[in-house]
Protein backbone atom coordinates (compact mmCIF):
# COMPACT_ATOMS: atom_id res chain seq x y z
CA UNK A 1 -58.58 46.08 -43.16
CA UNK A 2 -59.60 49.74 -42.86
CA UNK A 3 -57.75 52.46 -41.07
CA UNK A 4 -60.25 52.50 -38.14
CA UNK A 5 -60.01 48.76 -37.68
CA UNK A 6 -56.24 48.94 -37.58
CA UNK A 7 -56.44 51.68 -34.97
CA UNK A 8 -58.72 49.54 -32.79
CA UNK A 9 -56.35 46.54 -33.07
CA UNK A 10 -53.39 48.61 -31.95
CA UNK A 11 -55.43 49.97 -29.00
CA UNK A 12 -56.33 46.37 -28.05
CA UNK A 13 -52.63 45.32 -28.20
CA UNK A 14 -51.56 48.13 -26.03
CA UNK A 15 -54.27 47.47 -23.53
CA UNK A 16 -53.37 43.83 -23.41
CA UNK A 17 -49.66 44.74 -22.79
CA UNK A 18 -50.55 47.09 -19.99
CA UNK A 19 -52.75 44.47 -18.48
CA UNK A 20 -49.96 41.85 -18.52
CA UNK A 21 -47.50 44.26 -17.16
CA UNK A 22 -49.80 45.15 -14.19
CA UNK A 23 -50.46 41.45 -13.58
CA UNK A 24 -46.75 40.60 -13.58
CA UNK A 25 -46.09 43.51 -11.15
CA UNK A 26 -48.78 42.29 -8.71
CA UNK A 27 -47.58 38.77 -9.02
CA UNK A 28 -44.03 39.86 -8.19
CA UNK A 29 -45.11 41.80 -5.14
CA UNK A 30 -47.08 38.78 -3.69
CA UNK A 31 -44.42 36.28 -4.57
CA UNK A 32 -41.93 34.95 -2.07
CA UNK A 33 -38.35 35.44 -3.24
CA UNK A 34 -35.30 33.34 -2.37
CA UNK A 35 -31.68 34.53 -2.69
CA UNK A 36 -28.90 31.97 -3.04
CA UNK A 37 -25.49 31.39 -4.58
CA UNK A 38 -24.92 28.92 -7.29
CA UNK A 39 -22.72 25.99 -6.23
CA UNK A 40 -21.18 25.72 -9.70
CA UNK A 41 -20.43 29.23 -10.95
CA UNK A 42 -20.80 31.13 -7.70
CA UNK A 43 -23.30 33.65 -9.15
CA UNK A 44 -25.72 35.33 -6.72
CA UNK A 45 -29.28 34.54 -7.88
CA UNK A 46 -32.71 35.82 -6.79
CA UNK A 47 -35.53 33.38 -7.74
CA UNK A 48 -39.22 33.02 -6.99
CA UNK A 49 -40.32 30.52 -4.48
CA UNK A 50 -39.40 29.59 -0.83
CA UNK A 51 -37.44 26.44 -1.85
CA UNK A 52 -33.69 26.89 -1.61
CA UNK A 53 -31.97 26.00 -4.83
CA UNK A 54 -28.33 24.87 -5.48
CA UNK A 55 -27.84 26.08 -9.15
CA UNK A 56 -28.66 29.14 -11.21
CA UNK A 57 -29.38 27.22 -14.42
CA UNK A 58 -29.88 23.74 -15.83
CA UNK A 59 -26.42 24.01 -17.39
CA UNK A 60 -24.72 24.48 -14.05
CA UNK A 61 -26.80 21.57 -12.66
CA UNK A 62 -25.65 19.27 -15.49
CA UNK A 63 -22.04 20.33 -15.16
CA UNK A 64 -21.93 19.37 -11.47
CA UNK A 65 -23.84 16.12 -12.10
CA UNK A 66 -21.40 15.17 -14.84
CA UNK A 67 -18.41 15.85 -12.72
CA UNK A 68 -19.73 14.00 -9.72
CA UNK A 69 -20.79 11.01 -11.95
CA UNK A 70 -17.36 10.82 -13.62
CA UNK A 71 -15.61 10.88 -10.23
CA UNK A 72 -17.86 8.18 -8.92
CA UNK A 73 -17.41 5.97 -11.97
CA UNK A 74 -13.74 6.79 -12.79
CA UNK A 75 -12.65 3.13 -12.62
CA UNK A 76 -15.46 1.95 -14.86
CA UNK A 77 -14.74 4.70 -17.46
CA UNK A 78 -11.02 3.82 -17.48
CA UNK A 79 -11.82 0.15 -18.00
CA UNK A 80 -14.13 1.06 -20.82
CA UNK A 81 -11.65 3.36 -22.40
CA UNK A 82 -9.01 0.55 -22.41
CA UNK A 83 -11.20 -1.94 -24.28
CA UNK A 84 -9.93 -2.77 -27.81
CA UNK A 85 -13.10 -1.59 -29.49
CA UNK A 86 -13.08 1.74 -27.67
CA UNK A 87 -9.43 2.33 -28.32
CA UNK A 88 -9.86 1.55 -32.03
CA UNK A 89 -12.88 3.97 -32.17
CA UNK A 90 -10.92 6.70 -30.36
CA UNK A 91 -8.05 6.33 -32.83
CA UNK A 92 -10.38 6.47 -35.82
CA UNK A 93 -12.08 9.51 -34.49
CA UNK A 94 -8.81 11.32 -33.70
CA UNK A 95 -7.36 10.47 -37.04
CA UNK A 96 -10.42 11.65 -38.97
CA UNK A 97 -10.45 14.95 -36.94
CA UNK A 98 -6.77 15.53 -37.62
CA UNK A 99 -7.18 14.89 -41.35
CA UNK A 100 -10.12 17.23 -41.59
CA UNK A 101 -8.33 20.00 -39.72
CA UNK A 102 -4.68 19.33 -40.55
CA UNK A 103 -4.22 22.72 -42.20
CA UNK A 104 -4.97 24.50 -38.93
CA UNK A 105 -3.83 21.90 -36.38
CA UNK A 106 -0.29 21.30 -37.71
CA UNK A 107 0.92 24.91 -37.39
CA UNK A 108 -0.62 25.17 -34.01
CA UNK A 109 1.01 22.01 -32.78
CA UNK A 110 4.38 23.04 -34.16
CA UNK A 111 4.12 26.47 -32.42
CA UNK A 112 3.07 24.81 -29.13
CA UNK A 113 6.00 22.34 -29.42
CA UNK A 114 8.49 25.07 -29.98
CA UNK A 115 7.07 27.17 -27.14
CA UNK A 116 7.23 24.25 -24.70
CA UNK A 117 10.82 23.52 -25.79
CA UNK A 118 11.84 27.10 -24.83
CA UNK A 119 9.80 27.31 -21.65
CA UNK A 120 10.47 23.79 -20.25
CA UNK A 121 13.31 22.26 -22.41
CA UNK A 122 13.94 19.57 -19.85
CA UNK A 123 10.44 18.02 -20.14
CA UNK A 124 11.13 16.07 -23.23
CA UNK A 125 14.55 15.05 -21.95
CA UNK A 126 13.05 13.56 -18.84
CA UNK A 127 10.48 11.63 -20.79
CA UNK A 128 13.11 10.23 -23.17
CA UNK A 129 15.29 9.27 -20.23
CA UNK A 130 12.37 7.52 -18.53
CA UNK A 131 11.78 5.47 -21.66
CA UNK A 132 15.43 4.49 -21.94
CA UNK A 133 15.64 3.53 -18.31
CA UNK A 134 12.61 1.28 -18.60
CA UNK A 135 14.03 -0.44 -21.70
CA UNK A 136 17.49 -0.96 -20.13
CA UNK A 137 16.24 -1.76 -16.65
CA UNK A 138 18.03 1.19 -15.02
CA UNK A 139 17.00 3.16 -11.92
CA UNK A 140 15.11 6.39 -12.51
CA UNK A 141 14.06 9.12 -10.12
CA UNK A 142 14.42 12.35 -12.15
CA UNK A 143 11.62 14.96 -11.60
CA UNK A 144 10.67 18.19 -13.22
CA UNK A 145 11.54 19.98 -9.98
CA UNK A 146 15.06 18.57 -10.00
CA UNK A 147 15.45 19.53 -13.67
CA UNK A 148 14.17 23.08 -13.04
CA UNK A 149 16.58 23.54 -10.21
CA UNK A 150 19.57 22.18 -12.06
CA UNK A 151 18.89 23.68 -15.46
CA UNK A 152 21.11 26.79 -16.41
CA UNK A 153 20.71 26.78 -20.19
CA UNK A 154 24.42 25.98 -20.55
CA UNK A 155 26.43 22.76 -20.74
CA UNK A 156 27.76 21.75 -17.32
CA UNK A 157 31.13 20.55 -18.81
CA UNK A 158 31.86 23.20 -21.45
CA UNK A 159 29.73 26.16 -20.34
CA UNK A 160 28.43 26.46 -23.92
CA UNK A 161 24.84 27.68 -24.48
CA UNK A 162 22.33 25.01 -25.48
CA UNK A 163 20.44 25.35 -28.83
CA UNK A 164 16.88 24.61 -27.71
CA UNK A 165 13.74 24.36 -29.86
CA UNK A 166 15.62 23.61 -33.07
CA UNK A 167 13.50 22.17 -35.92
CA UNK A 168 13.86 18.55 -36.93
CA UNK A 169 16.72 17.81 -39.34
CA UNK A 170 19.16 20.29 -37.80
CA UNK A 171 22.49 18.98 -36.40
CA UNK A 172 22.19 17.94 -32.73
CA UNK A 173 25.71 19.25 -31.87
CA UNK A 174 24.42 21.89 -29.41
CA UNK A 175 21.25 20.18 -28.30
CA UNK A 176 20.86 19.50 -24.58
CA UNK A 177 20.97 15.94 -23.30
CA UNK A 178 20.86 14.17 -19.89
CA UNK A 179 24.16 12.46 -19.18
CA UNK A 180 24.74 9.66 -16.69
CA UNK A 181 28.02 10.47 -14.98
CA UNK A 182 28.46 6.80 -14.09
CA UNK A 183 26.40 4.83 -16.70
CA UNK A 184 25.84 1.82 -14.48
CA UNK A 185 24.00 3.88 -11.69
CA UNK A 186 21.19 4.78 -14.00
CA UNK A 187 19.10 8.03 -14.24
CA UNK A 188 19.16 9.17 -10.59
CA UNK A 189 19.40 12.65 -9.48
CA UNK A 190 22.93 12.48 -8.03
CA UNK A 191 24.19 10.86 -11.15
CA UNK A 192 22.78 12.96 -13.99
CA UNK A 193 23.61 16.41 -15.47
CA UNK A 194 22.81 18.39 -18.61
CA UNK A 195 25.51 18.45 -21.25
CA UNK A 196 25.75 18.97 -25.05
CA UNK A 197 24.73 16.17 -27.30
CA UNK A 198 28.15 16.30 -28.97
CA UNK A 199 29.94 15.94 -25.63
CA UNK A 200 27.58 13.06 -24.51
CA UNK A 201 28.16 11.25 -27.83
CA UNK A 202 31.94 11.73 -27.39
CA UNK A 203 31.86 10.35 -23.92
CA UNK A 204 29.64 7.41 -24.75
CA UNK A 205 29.66 4.75 -22.05
CA UNK A 206 33.08 5.69 -20.71
CA UNK A 207 33.97 8.18 -17.87
CA UNK A 208 34.99 11.79 -17.75
CA UNK A 209 38.58 10.79 -17.12
CA UNK A 210 38.79 8.76 -20.40
CA UNK A 211 37.10 11.53 -22.35
CA UNK A 212 39.53 14.10 -20.99
CA UNK A 213 42.52 11.92 -21.83
CA UNK A 214 41.36 11.71 -25.44
CA UNK A 215 40.52 15.38 -25.57
CA UNK A 216 43.95 16.33 -24.25
CA UNK A 217 45.64 14.09 -26.84
CA UNK A 218 43.64 15.66 -29.58
CA UNK A 219 44.69 19.17 -28.49
CA UNK A 220 48.23 18.20 -28.22
CA UNK A 221 48.31 16.81 -31.72
CA UNK A 222 46.51 19.81 -33.02
CA UNK A 223 49.12 22.03 -31.36
CA UNK A 224 51.95 20.09 -32.94
CA UNK A 225 50.42 20.27 -36.37
CA UNK A 226 49.93 24.00 -36.19
């Protein structure tokens, strides 16, 4: 292509662009515009047309549709998720994902576990107590609110600080535990307290009085030996 022909092509392209720009400007002036707020993201949108719209994009429309559909079919979805085939498929998928990304998932899970043990150290204690109460047929009414109001970070019998968030394999001497003051009453709010694991193991299924008698005898013998 010669230089003159290239110049003519460029002029034609520029003229076509000007024509399209003028056409869009005239169309915009003659068009009716509608302003509305997206029901999903809350964005203010100005769109062409007199019909009032609900969403700013197909993505927002799909998000709302999926939420409404899941809420309307929650029972059906739960029944489907509990079927043996679906549970087996979910386990296989989760296992494969974990094996593929174990190098990154494992440190993140450990860090999250340690963080939760420091922020809400009573959460795992309540879950364990709930499991034990169900196995032994004991009463249970402990709540996170009760634990947060009672937790001080120190043993209620010895006033020794708890060692929270310790890695597995470390001695549990200073770990916190939930103790039943009277074992037969179960895990109820008026019968439970936070004490050291060592103290709870020492007390066992007995009472505070029995534990104090034994502890006093041990101190008396130690004093005599010294």
